[in-house]
Amino acid sequence: MSVHFFYSYRDELVKKLKEHYADDVEVWRKQVQETKQLDEAEAMLRKYFSSLVTELGDVIDASNGEIFLDEQDGKVMELKIQQNFVRFTRQERAIQVKIGYYVTENDMVETAILGYVVPGAKHPVMKKIGKIHQGSTFDENTINFYLRSAFGEWLHNIDSTHVDTV
C-alpha cells in the first residue's frame, strides 16, 4: 500500500458528497427560503393585529365579546366583529386568507377563501383564487384590502344607521 503525498481523502469525500446531494441541497435551500418568507408574512400579520388591538383595547373590552382577536387553534390570526371575520391560517406552504360576512337578505354568514400568501421570488406574494398569475406583494395594503372585504358592508351599515338616527 502506497501513500500519496498531498492527497486528502477528506477533500475527495466532500467533493463527491456535494456532487451526489446537489439536487437535494437545492430543494432544501428552496424550502428554507419559502419557510422564511411565510414566517416573515406571519410576523407582519401579528404586528399589524397587535397594533390594532392596542388601539382598540378599550373598545374590545366594552364590546361584550362582539369584537375579538384569536391567535389559537392553528390560526395565525382571526379578527371577528359580530358575525363578520377575517382569518389567516398557516398551512404547510401558504397562509390561507378566509373572510366571512353577514348577508342580511339571507340572514346568514357567507364565507369565501380569497387567496393565499405564498412564497415569491424575493418576498411573499398573494395568489388570488381563480387567477393563473402571481398576485401582488403581500404587505400592509393587502391586509387592509382583506379587512375592507370582510368588514366593509358591516361598516357601511353602521354608518347608514348612524346617519338615520342623527
N, C-alpha and C. Protein backbone atom coordinates (compact mmCIF):
# COMPACT_ATOMS: atom_id res chain seq x y z
N MET A 1 0.84 -1.16 0.00
CA MET A 1 0.00 0.00 0.00
C MET A 1 0.89 1.23 0.00
N SER A 2 0.63 2.08 -0.95
CA SER A 2 1.46 3.28 -1.04
C SER A 2 0.68 4.48 -0.55
N VAL A 3 1.36 5.43 -0.05
CA VAL A 3 0.76 6.66 0.45
C VAL A 3 1.07 7.76 -0.54
N HIS A 4 0.00 8.44 -0.99
CA HIS A 4 0.20 9.56 -1.91
C HIS A 4 0.35 10.84 -1.09
N PHE A 5 1.43 11.53 -1.38
CA PHE A 5 1.60 12.80 -0.70
C PHE A 5 0.65 13.83 -1.29
N PHE A 6 0.19 14.72 -0.45
CA PHE A 6 -0.73 15.79 -0.83
C PHE A 6 -2.10 15.29 -1.29
N TYR A 7 -2.45 14.10 -0.92
CA TYR A 7 -3.76 13.56 -1.23
C TYR A 7 -4.62 13.63 0.03
N SER A 8 -5.77 14.24 -0.11
CA SER A 8 -6.65 14.38 1.04
C SER A 8 -7.95 13.65 0.72
N TYR A 9 -8.17 12.58 1.45
CA TYR A 9 -9.41 11.82 1.28
C TYR A 9 -10.60 12.68 1.68
N ARG A 10 -10.41 13.50 2.66
CA ARG A 10 -11.49 14.39 3.11
C ARG A 10 -11.96 15.27 1.96
N ASP A 11 -11.05 15.87 1.21
CA ASP A 11 -11.41 16.74 0.09
C ASP A 11 -12.21 15.97 -0.96
N GLU A 12 -11.75 14.76 -1.25
CA GLU A 12 -12.45 13.93 -2.23
C GLU A 12 -13.85 13.57 -1.73
N LEU A 13 -13.95 13.22 -0.45
CA LEU A 13 -15.24 12.87 0.13
C LEU A 13 -16.21 14.06 0.07
N VAL A 14 -15.73 15.23 0.44
CA VAL A 14 -16.57 16.43 0.39
C VAL A 14 -17.02 16.69 -1.04
N LYS A 15 -16.12 16.61 -1.98
CA LYS A 15 -16.45 16.87 -3.38
C LYS A 15 -17.51 15.89 -3.88
N LYS A 16 -17.32 14.62 -3.62
CA LYS A 16 -18.26 13.59 -4.08
C LYS A 16 -19.64 13.74 -3.42
N LEU A 17 -19.65 14.03 -2.12
CA LEU A 17 -20.92 14.20 -1.42
C LEU A 17 -21.67 15.43 -1.92
N LYS A 18 -20.95 16.50 -2.18
CA LYS A 18 -21.60 17.70 -2.72
C LYS A 18 -22.18 17.44 -4.11
N GLU A 19 -21.47 16.70 -4.92
CA GLU A 19 -21.98 16.35 -6.24
C GLU A 19 -23.21 15.46 -6.13
N HIS A 20 -23.14 14.46 -5.27
CA HIS A 20 -24.22 13.49 -5.12
C HIS A 20 -25.50 14.14 -4.57
N TYR A 21 -25.35 15.06 -3.62
CA TYR A 21 -26.52 15.67 -2.96
C TYR A 21 -26.84 17.07 -3.46
N ALA A 22 -26.31 17.46 -4.59
CA ALA A 22 -26.52 18.82 -5.11
C ALA A 22 -28.00 19.13 -5.31
N ASP A 23 -28.74 18.21 -5.89
CA ASP A 23 -30.18 18.44 -6.11
C ASP A 23 -30.93 18.53 -4.78
N ASP A 24 -30.59 17.65 -3.85
CA ASP A 24 -31.25 17.66 -2.54
C ASP A 24 -30.96 18.96 -1.79
N VAL A 25 -29.74 19.45 -1.89
CA VAL A 25 -29.37 20.71 -1.23
C VAL A 25 -30.16 21.87 -1.84
N GLU A 26 -30.32 21.85 -3.15
CA GLU A 26 -31.07 22.92 -3.82
C GLU A 26 -32.54 22.92 -3.38
N VAL A 27 -33.15 21.75 -3.29
CA VAL A 27 -34.54 21.63 -2.81
C VAL A 27 -34.64 22.10 -1.36
N TRP A 28 -33.70 21.70 -0.55
CA TRP A 28 -33.69 22.09 0.86
C TRP A 28 -33.56 23.61 1.00
N ARG A 29 -32.66 24.22 0.23
CA ARG A 29 -32.49 25.68 0.29
C ARG A 29 -33.77 26.40 -0.11
N LYS A 30 -34.43 25.88 -1.12
CA LYS A 30 -35.69 26.49 -1.57
C LYS A 30 -36.75 26.38 -0.47
N GLN A 31 -36.83 25.24 0.18
CA GLN A 31 -37.81 25.06 1.27
C GLN A 31 -37.51 25.99 2.44
N VAL A 32 -36.23 26.16 2.77
CA VAL A 32 -35.84 27.06 3.85
C VAL A 32 -36.23 28.49 3.49
N GLN A 33 -36.00 28.89 2.25
CA GLN A 33 -36.35 30.25 1.80
C GLN A 33 -37.85 30.46 1.84
N GLU A 34 -38.63 29.47 1.40
CA GLU A 34 -40.09 29.57 1.43
C GLU A 34 -40.61 29.67 2.86
N THR A 35 -40.06 28.86 3.75
CA THR A 35 -40.48 28.90 5.15
C THR A 35 -40.15 30.25 5.76
N LYS A 36 -38.99 30.79 5.43
CA LYS A 36 -38.59 32.10 5.94
C LYS A 36 -39.55 33.18 5.48
N GLN A 37 -39.97 33.15 4.22
CA GLN A 37 -40.91 34.14 3.71
C GLN A 37 -42.27 34.03 4.40
N LEU A 38 -42.73 32.81 4.61
CA LEU A 38 -44.01 32.63 5.31
C LEU A 38 -43.90 33.09 6.77
N ASP A 39 -42.76 32.85 7.39
CA ASP A 39 -42.54 33.33 8.76
C ASP A 39 -42.57 34.86 8.80
N GLU A 40 -41.98 35.51 7.78
CA GLU A 40 -42.00 36.96 7.70
C GLU A 40 -43.43 37.48 7.53
N ALA A 41 -44.21 36.82 6.67
CA ALA A 41 -45.61 37.21 6.47
C ALA A 41 -46.40 37.05 7.76
N GLU A 42 -46.17 35.95 8.46
CA GLU A 42 -46.85 35.71 9.73
C GLU A 42 -46.48 36.78 10.76
N ALA A 43 -45.21 37.14 10.81
CA ALA A 43 -44.77 38.18 11.74
C ALA A 43 -45.41 39.52 11.39
N MET A 44 -45.56 39.81 10.09
CA MET A 44 -46.21 41.05 9.67
C MET A 44 -47.67 41.06 10.13
N LEU A 45 -48.36 39.93 9.98
CA LEU A 45 -49.75 39.83 10.43
C LEU A 45 -49.86 40.04 11.94
N ARG A 46 -48.99 39.40 12.69
CA ARG A 46 -49.03 39.52 14.15
C ARG A 46 -48.77 40.97 14.58
N LYS A 47 -47.82 41.62 13.94
CA LYS A 47 -47.52 43.02 14.27
C LYS A 47 -48.70 43.91 13.92
N TYR A 48 -49.29 43.71 12.77
CA TYR A 48 -50.43 44.52 12.32
C TYR A 48 -51.59 44.41 13.30
N PHE A 49 -51.96 43.17 13.65
CA PHE A 49 -53.11 42.97 14.51
C PHE A 49 -52.80 43.30 15.97
N SER A 50 -51.56 43.16 16.38
CA SER A 50 -51.18 43.58 17.72
C SER A 50 -51.36 45.08 17.87
N SER A 51 -50.97 45.83 16.85
CA SER A 51 -51.14 47.27 16.85
C SER A 51 -52.63 47.64 16.86
N LEU A 52 -53.42 46.92 16.09
CA LEU A 52 -54.87 47.15 16.04
C LEU A 52 -55.50 46.92 17.40
N VAL A 53 -55.12 45.84 18.07
CA VAL A 53 -55.65 45.53 19.39
C VAL A 53 -55.24 46.59 20.41
N THR A 54 -54.02 47.08 20.29
CA THR A 54 -53.57 48.13 21.19
C THR A 54 -54.43 49.38 21.03
N GLU A 55 -54.72 49.75 19.79
CA GLU A 55 -55.54 50.93 19.52
C GLU A 55 -56.98 50.74 19.98
N LEU A 56 -57.49 49.51 19.91
CA LEU A 56 -58.90 49.25 20.22
C LEU A 56 -59.10 48.52 21.54
N GLY A 57 -58.11 48.52 22.41
CA GLY A 57 -58.18 47.76 23.65
C GLY A 57 -59.44 47.99 24.45
N ASP A 58 -59.78 49.26 24.70
CA ASP A 58 -60.98 49.54 25.50
C ASP A 58 -62.26 49.24 24.74
N VAL A 59 -62.26 49.41 23.43
CA VAL A 59 -63.44 49.08 22.62
C VAL A 59 -63.68 47.57 22.66
N ILE A 60 -62.62 46.79 22.54
CA ILE A 60 -62.75 45.33 22.59
C ILE A 60 -63.29 44.90 23.95
N ASP A 61 -62.77 45.49 25.01
CA ASP A 61 -63.25 45.15 26.35
C ASP A 61 -64.72 45.52 26.54
N ALA A 62 -65.14 46.65 25.99
CA ALA A 62 -66.52 47.12 26.17
C ALA A 62 -67.51 46.43 25.24
N SER A 63 -67.04 45.70 24.24
CA SER A 63 -67.94 45.12 23.23
C SER A 63 -68.64 43.85 23.69
N ASN A 64 -68.37 43.41 24.90
CA ASN A 64 -69.01 42.19 25.43
C ASN A 64 -68.82 40.98 24.52
N GLY A 65 -67.63 40.85 23.96
CA GLY A 65 -67.32 39.68 23.15
C GLY A 65 -67.71 39.79 21.69
N GLU A 66 -68.29 40.91 21.27
CA GLU A 66 -68.65 41.06 19.86
C GLU A 66 -67.43 41.31 18.98
N ILE A 67 -66.35 41.80 19.58
CA ILE A 67 -65.11 42.02 18.85
C ILE A 67 -64.02 41.23 19.57
N PHE A 68 -63.35 40.37 18.83
CA PHE A 68 -62.22 39.68 19.45
C PHE A 68 -61.19 39.26 18.42
N LEU A 69 -59.99 39.10 18.92
CA LEU A 69 -58.86 38.66 18.11
C LEU A 69 -58.42 37.31 18.63
N ASP A 70 -58.33 36.33 17.74
CA ASP A 70 -57.98 34.97 18.14
C ASP A 70 -56.67 34.59 17.47
N GLU A 71 -55.75 34.02 18.26
CA GLU A 71 -54.46 33.58 17.74
C GLU A 71 -54.22 32.11 18.05
N GLN A 72 -55.27 31.33 18.27
CA GLN A 72 -55.11 29.94 18.67
C GLN A 72 -55.68 29.00 17.62
N ASP A 73 -55.68 27.71 17.96
CA ASP A 73 -56.25 26.65 17.12
C ASP A 73 -55.64 26.61 15.73
N GLY A 74 -54.34 26.79 15.61
CA GLY A 74 -53.67 26.67 14.32
C GLY A 74 -53.83 27.88 13.43
N LYS A 75 -54.55 28.89 13.87
CA LYS A 75 -54.72 30.09 13.07
C LYS A 75 -53.53 31.00 13.32
N VAL A 76 -53.14 31.70 12.32
CA VAL A 76 -52.16 32.76 12.53
C VAL A 76 -52.89 33.89 13.23
N MET A 77 -54.07 34.25 12.69
CA MET A 77 -54.80 35.37 13.23
C MET A 77 -56.23 35.33 12.74
N GLU A 78 -57.18 35.66 13.62
CA GLU A 78 -58.57 35.84 13.22
C GLU A 78 -59.12 37.05 13.97
N LEU A 79 -59.68 37.99 13.22
CA LEU A 79 -60.36 39.13 13.80
C LEU A 79 -61.83 38.97 13.49
N LYS A 80 -62.64 39.01 14.53
CA LYS A 80 -64.08 38.85 14.36
C LYS A 80 -64.79 40.06 14.96
N ILE A 81 -65.67 40.65 14.18
CA ILE A 81 -66.53 41.73 14.64
C ILE A 81 -67.96 41.28 14.41
N GLN A 82 -68.66 41.04 15.49
CA GLN A 82 -70.00 40.47 15.47
C GLN A 82 -69.96 39.18 14.65
N GLN A 83 -70.63 39.12 13.49
CA GLN A 83 -70.65 37.89 12.71
C GLN A 83 -69.63 37.88 11.57
N ASN A 84 -69.00 39.00 11.32
CA ASN A 84 -68.02 39.10 10.24
C ASN A 84 -66.63 38.75 10.76
N PHE A 85 -65.81 38.15 9.89
CA PHE A 85 -64.45 37.82 10.32
C PHE A 85 -63.49 37.80 9.14
N VAL A 86 -62.22 37.95 9.47
CA VAL A 86 -61.13 37.70 8.54
C VAL A 86 -60.19 36.75 9.28
N ARG A 87 -59.79 35.67 8.60
CA ARG A 87 -58.98 34.62 9.23
C ARG A 87 -57.79 34.29 8.33
N PHE A 88 -56.61 34.29 8.94
CA PHE A 88 -55.38 33.89 8.27
C PHE A 88 -54.93 32.58 8.91
N THR A 89 -54.84 31.52 8.11
CA THR A 89 -54.48 30.20 8.63
C THR A 89 -53.19 29.72 7.98
N ARG A 90 -52.22 29.38 8.79
CA ARG A 90 -50.93 28.89 8.29
C ARG A 90 -51.09 27.44 7.86
N GLN A 91 -50.69 27.18 6.63
CA GLN A 91 -50.65 25.83 6.10
C GLN A 91 -49.19 25.49 5.81
N GLU A 92 -48.97 24.31 5.30
CA GLU A 92 -47.58 23.87 5.10
C GLU A 92 -46.79 24.80 4.18
N ARG A 93 -47.40 25.22 3.07
CA ARG A 93 -46.66 26.01 2.09
C ARG A 93 -47.33 27.33 1.75
N ALA A 94 -48.30 27.76 2.59
CA ALA A 94 -49.01 29.01 2.33
C ALA A 94 -49.76 29.44 3.58
N ILE A 95 -50.26 30.67 3.54
CA ILE A 95 -51.17 31.17 4.56
C ILE A 95 -52.48 31.46 3.86
N GLN A 96 -53.53 30.76 4.27
CA GLN A 96 -54.84 30.92 3.64
C GLN A 96 -55.56 32.14 4.21
N VAL A 97 -56.22 32.89 3.34
CA VAL A 97 -56.98 34.06 3.75
C VAL A 97 -58.46 33.77 3.50
N LYS A 98 -59.24 33.77 4.59
CA LYS A 98 -60.66 33.47 4.50
C LYS A 98 -61.43 34.59 5.18
N ILE A 99 -62.53 35.02 4.55
CA ILE A 99 -63.37 36.03 5.17
C ILE A 99 -64.78 35.46 5.33
N GLY A 100 -65.50 36.04 6.26
CA GLY A 100 -66.90 35.73 6.47
C GLY A 100 -67.64 37.03 6.69
N TYR A 101 -68.79 37.16 6.06
CA TYR A 101 -69.56 38.39 6.21
C TYR A 101 -71.04 38.06 6.25
N TYR A 102 -71.74 38.83 7.06
CA TYR A 102 -73.17 38.62 7.27
C TYR A 102 -73.95 39.21 6.12
N VAL A 103 -74.88 38.42 5.56
CA VAL A 103 -75.75 38.87 4.48
C VAL A 103 -77.16 38.98 5.05
N THR A 104 -77.65 40.21 5.14
CA THR A 104 -78.95 40.43 5.79
C THR A 104 -80.10 39.82 5.01
N GLU A 105 -80.04 39.83 3.67
CA GLU A 105 -81.13 39.28 2.86
C GLU A 105 -81.34 37.78 3.14
N ASN A 106 -80.27 37.07 3.34
CA ASN A 106 -80.34 35.63 3.58
C ASN A 106 -80.30 35.29 5.07
N ASP A 107 -80.01 36.28 5.90
CA ASP A 107 -79.86 36.09 7.34
C ASP A 107 -78.87 34.97 7.65
N MET A 108 -77.70 35.06 7.00
CA MET A 108 -76.65 34.06 7.23
C MET A 108 -75.29 34.66 6.93
N VAL A 109 -74.27 33.97 7.40
CA VAL A 109 -72.89 34.39 7.17
C VAL A 109 -72.35 33.61 5.98
N GLU A 110 -71.90 34.33 4.97
CA GLU A 110 -71.26 33.71 3.82
C GLU A 110 -69.76 33.77 4.02
N THR A 111 -69.07 32.74 3.60
CA THR A 111 -67.62 32.71 3.72
C THR A 111 -66.99 32.54 2.35
N ALA A 112 -65.77 33.00 2.22
CA ALA A 112 -65.04 32.87 0.98
C ALA A 112 -63.55 32.82 1.28
N ILE A 113 -62.86 31.97 0.56
CA ILE A 113 -61.40 31.96 0.60
C ILE A 113 -60.96 32.87 -0.53
N LEU A 114 -60.36 33.99 -0.16
CA LEU A 114 -59.99 34.99 -1.16
C LEU A 114 -58.65 34.71 -1.81
N GLY A 115 -57.76 34.06 -1.09
CA GLY A 115 -56.45 33.82 -1.66
C GLY A 115 -55.51 33.21 -0.66
N TYR A 116 -54.24 33.16 -1.07
CA TYR A 116 -53.20 32.56 -0.25
C TYR A 116 -51.97 33.46 -0.30
N VAL A 117 -51.29 33.57 0.83
CA VAL A 117 -49.97 34.20 0.87
C VAL A 117 -48.99 33.08 0.57
N VAL A 118 -48.25 33.22 -0.51
CA VAL A 118 -47.31 32.17 -0.94
C VAL A 118 -45.93 32.78 -1.12
N PRO A 119 -44.89 31.96 -1.01
CA PRO A 119 -43.54 32.48 -1.24
C PRO A 119 -43.37 32.93 -2.69
N GLY A 120 -42.70 34.06 -2.86
CA GLY A 120 -42.41 34.59 -4.19
C GLY A 120 -40.94 34.51 -4.48
N ALA A 121 -40.51 35.26 -5.49
CA ALA A 121 -39.10 35.26 -5.88
C ALA A 121 -38.22 35.82 -4.75
N LYS A 122 -38.66 36.95 -4.18
CA LYS A 122 -37.89 37.56 -3.10
C LYS A 122 -38.73 37.81 -1.85
N HIS A 123 -40.02 38.06 -2.03
CA HIS A 123 -40.92 38.38 -0.93
C HIS A 123 -42.21 37.57 -1.09
N PRO A 124 -42.95 37.39 0.00
CA PRO A 124 -44.22 36.68 -0.13
C PRO A 124 -45.18 37.47 -1.03
N VAL A 125 -45.98 36.74 -1.78
CA VAL A 125 -46.94 37.36 -2.69
C VAL A 125 -48.32 36.77 -2.44
N MET A 126 -49.33 37.44 -2.96
CA MET A 126 -50.70 36.97 -2.86
C MET A 126 -51.06 36.18 -4.10
N LYS A 127 -51.63 35.03 -3.90
CA LYS A 127 -52.15 34.22 -5.00
C LYS A 127 -53.66 34.25 -4.85
N LYS A 128 -54.35 34.96 -5.73
CA LYS A 128 -55.80 35.07 -5.64
C LYS A 128 -56.44 33.81 -6.21
N ILE A 129 -57.54 33.42 -5.61
CA ILE A 129 -58.29 32.26 -6.08
C ILE A 129 -58.80 32.54 -7.49
N GLY A 130 -58.61 31.58 -8.38
CA GLY A 130 -59.10 31.70 -9.74
C GLY A 130 -58.17 32.45 -10.68
N LYS A 131 -57.06 32.95 -10.19
CA LYS A 131 -56.11 33.67 -11.04
C LYS A 131 -54.93 32.76 -11.36
N ILE A 132 -54.45 32.81 -12.58
CA ILE A 132 -53.35 31.96 -13.01
C ILE A 132 -52.01 32.59 -12.62
N HIS A 133 -51.89 33.91 -12.77
CA HIS A 133 -50.62 34.57 -12.49
C HIS A 133 -50.48 34.86 -11.00
N GLN A 134 -49.25 35.14 -10.60
CA GLN A 134 -48.99 35.52 -9.21
C GLN A 134 -49.60 36.89 -8.98
N GLY A 135 -50.04 37.11 -7.79
CA GLY A 135 -50.66 38.39 -7.44
C GLY A 135 -49.62 39.39 -7.00
N SER A 136 -50.07 40.33 -6.22
CA SER A 136 -49.20 41.40 -5.76
C SER A 136 -48.40 40.97 -4.53
N THR A 137 -47.44 41.79 -4.17
CA THR A 137 -46.64 41.54 -2.99
C THR A 137 -47.52 41.64 -1.76
N PHE A 138 -47.29 40.77 -0.79
CA PHE A 138 -48.05 40.79 0.45
C PHE A 138 -47.49 41.88 1.35
N ASP A 139 -48.34 42.85 1.69
CA ASP A 139 -47.92 43.95 2.55
C ASP A 139 -49.12 44.46 3.35
N GLU A 140 -48.94 45.59 4.03
CA GLU A 140 -50.00 46.15 4.86
C GLU A 140 -51.23 46.54 4.03
N ASN A 141 -51.01 47.01 2.80
CA ASN A 141 -52.13 47.36 1.93
C ASN A 141 -52.99 46.13 1.61
N THR A 142 -52.35 45.00 1.47
CA THR A 142 -53.08 43.76 1.21
C THR A 142 -53.93 43.38 2.42
N ILE A 143 -53.39 43.54 3.60
CA ILE A 143 -54.15 43.25 4.82
C ILE A 143 -55.35 44.19 4.91
N ASN A 144 -55.13 45.47 4.59
CA ASN A 144 -56.23 46.44 4.58
C ASN A 144 -57.33 46.04 3.60
N PHE A 145 -56.95 45.53 2.44
CA PHE A 145 -57.92 45.07 1.45
C PHE A 145 -58.79 43.94 2.02
N TYR A 146 -58.16 43.00 2.72
CA TYR A 146 -58.93 41.90 3.29
C TYR A 146 -59.84 42.37 4.42
N LEU A 147 -59.39 43.33 5.21
CA LEU A 147 -60.25 43.89 6.25
C LEU A 147 -61.46 44.59 5.61
N ARG A 148 -61.22 45.33 4.56
CA ARG A 148 -62.32 46.01 3.85
C ARG A 148 -63.28 44.99 3.26
N SER A 149 -62.76 43.91 2.73
CA SER A 149 -63.63 42.86 2.16
C SER A 149 -64.50 42.22 3.23
N ALA A 150 -63.94 42.00 4.41
CA ALA A 150 -64.67 41.33 5.48
C ALA A 150 -65.62 42.28 6.21
N PHE A 151 -65.21 43.52 6.41
CA PHE A 151 -65.98 44.42 7.28
C PHE A 151 -66.56 45.63 6.55
N GLY A 152 -66.35 45.75 5.25
CA GLY A 152 -66.83 46.92 4.51
C GLY A 152 -68.33 47.10 4.55
N GLU A 153 -69.08 46.05 4.29
CA GLU A 153 -70.54 46.12 4.31
C GLU A 153 -71.04 46.40 5.71
N TRP A 154 -70.44 45.76 6.71
CA TRP A 154 -70.82 45.99 8.10
C TRP A 154 -70.59 47.45 8.47
N LEU A 155 -69.43 48.00 8.09
CA LEU A 155 -69.11 49.39 8.38
C LEU A 155 -70.09 50.32 7.68
N HIS A 156 -70.45 50.02 6.44
CA HIS A 156 -71.42 50.83 5.69
C HIS A 156 -72.77 50.82 6.40
N ASN A 157 -73.19 49.65 6.88
CA ASN A 157 -74.47 49.56 7.59
C ASN A 157 -74.44 50.35 8.88
N ILE A 158 -73.32 50.32 9.59
CA ILE A 158 -73.17 51.11 10.82
C ILE A 158 -73.25 52.59 10.51
N ASP A 159 -72.56 53.02 9.42
CA ASP A 159 -72.58 54.43 9.03
C ASP A 159 -73.98 54.87 8.64
N SER A 160 -74.71 54.05 7.88
CA SER A 160 -76.07 54.44 7.46
C SER A 160 -77.03 54.45 8.65
N THR A 161 -76.85 53.54 9.60
CA THR A 161 -77.68 53.53 10.81
C THR A 161 -77.40 54.79 11.62
N HIS A 162 -76.14 55.17 11.70
CA HIS A 162 -75.74 56.36 12.45
C HIS A 162 -76.33 57.61 11.81
N VAL A 163 -76.32 57.69 10.49
CA VAL A 163 -76.83 58.86 9.78
C VAL A 163 -78.34 58.96 9.98
N ASP A 164 -79.06 57.81 9.95
CA ASP A 164 -80.51 57.81 10.10
C ASP A 164 -80.95 58.28 11.50
N THR A 165 -80.16 57.97 12.51
CA THR A 165 -80.55 58.31 13.87
C THR A 165 -80.15 59.72 14.27
N VAL A 166 -79.29 60.36 13.50
CA VAL A 166 -78.81 61.70 13.86
C VAL A 166 -79.75 62.75 13.38
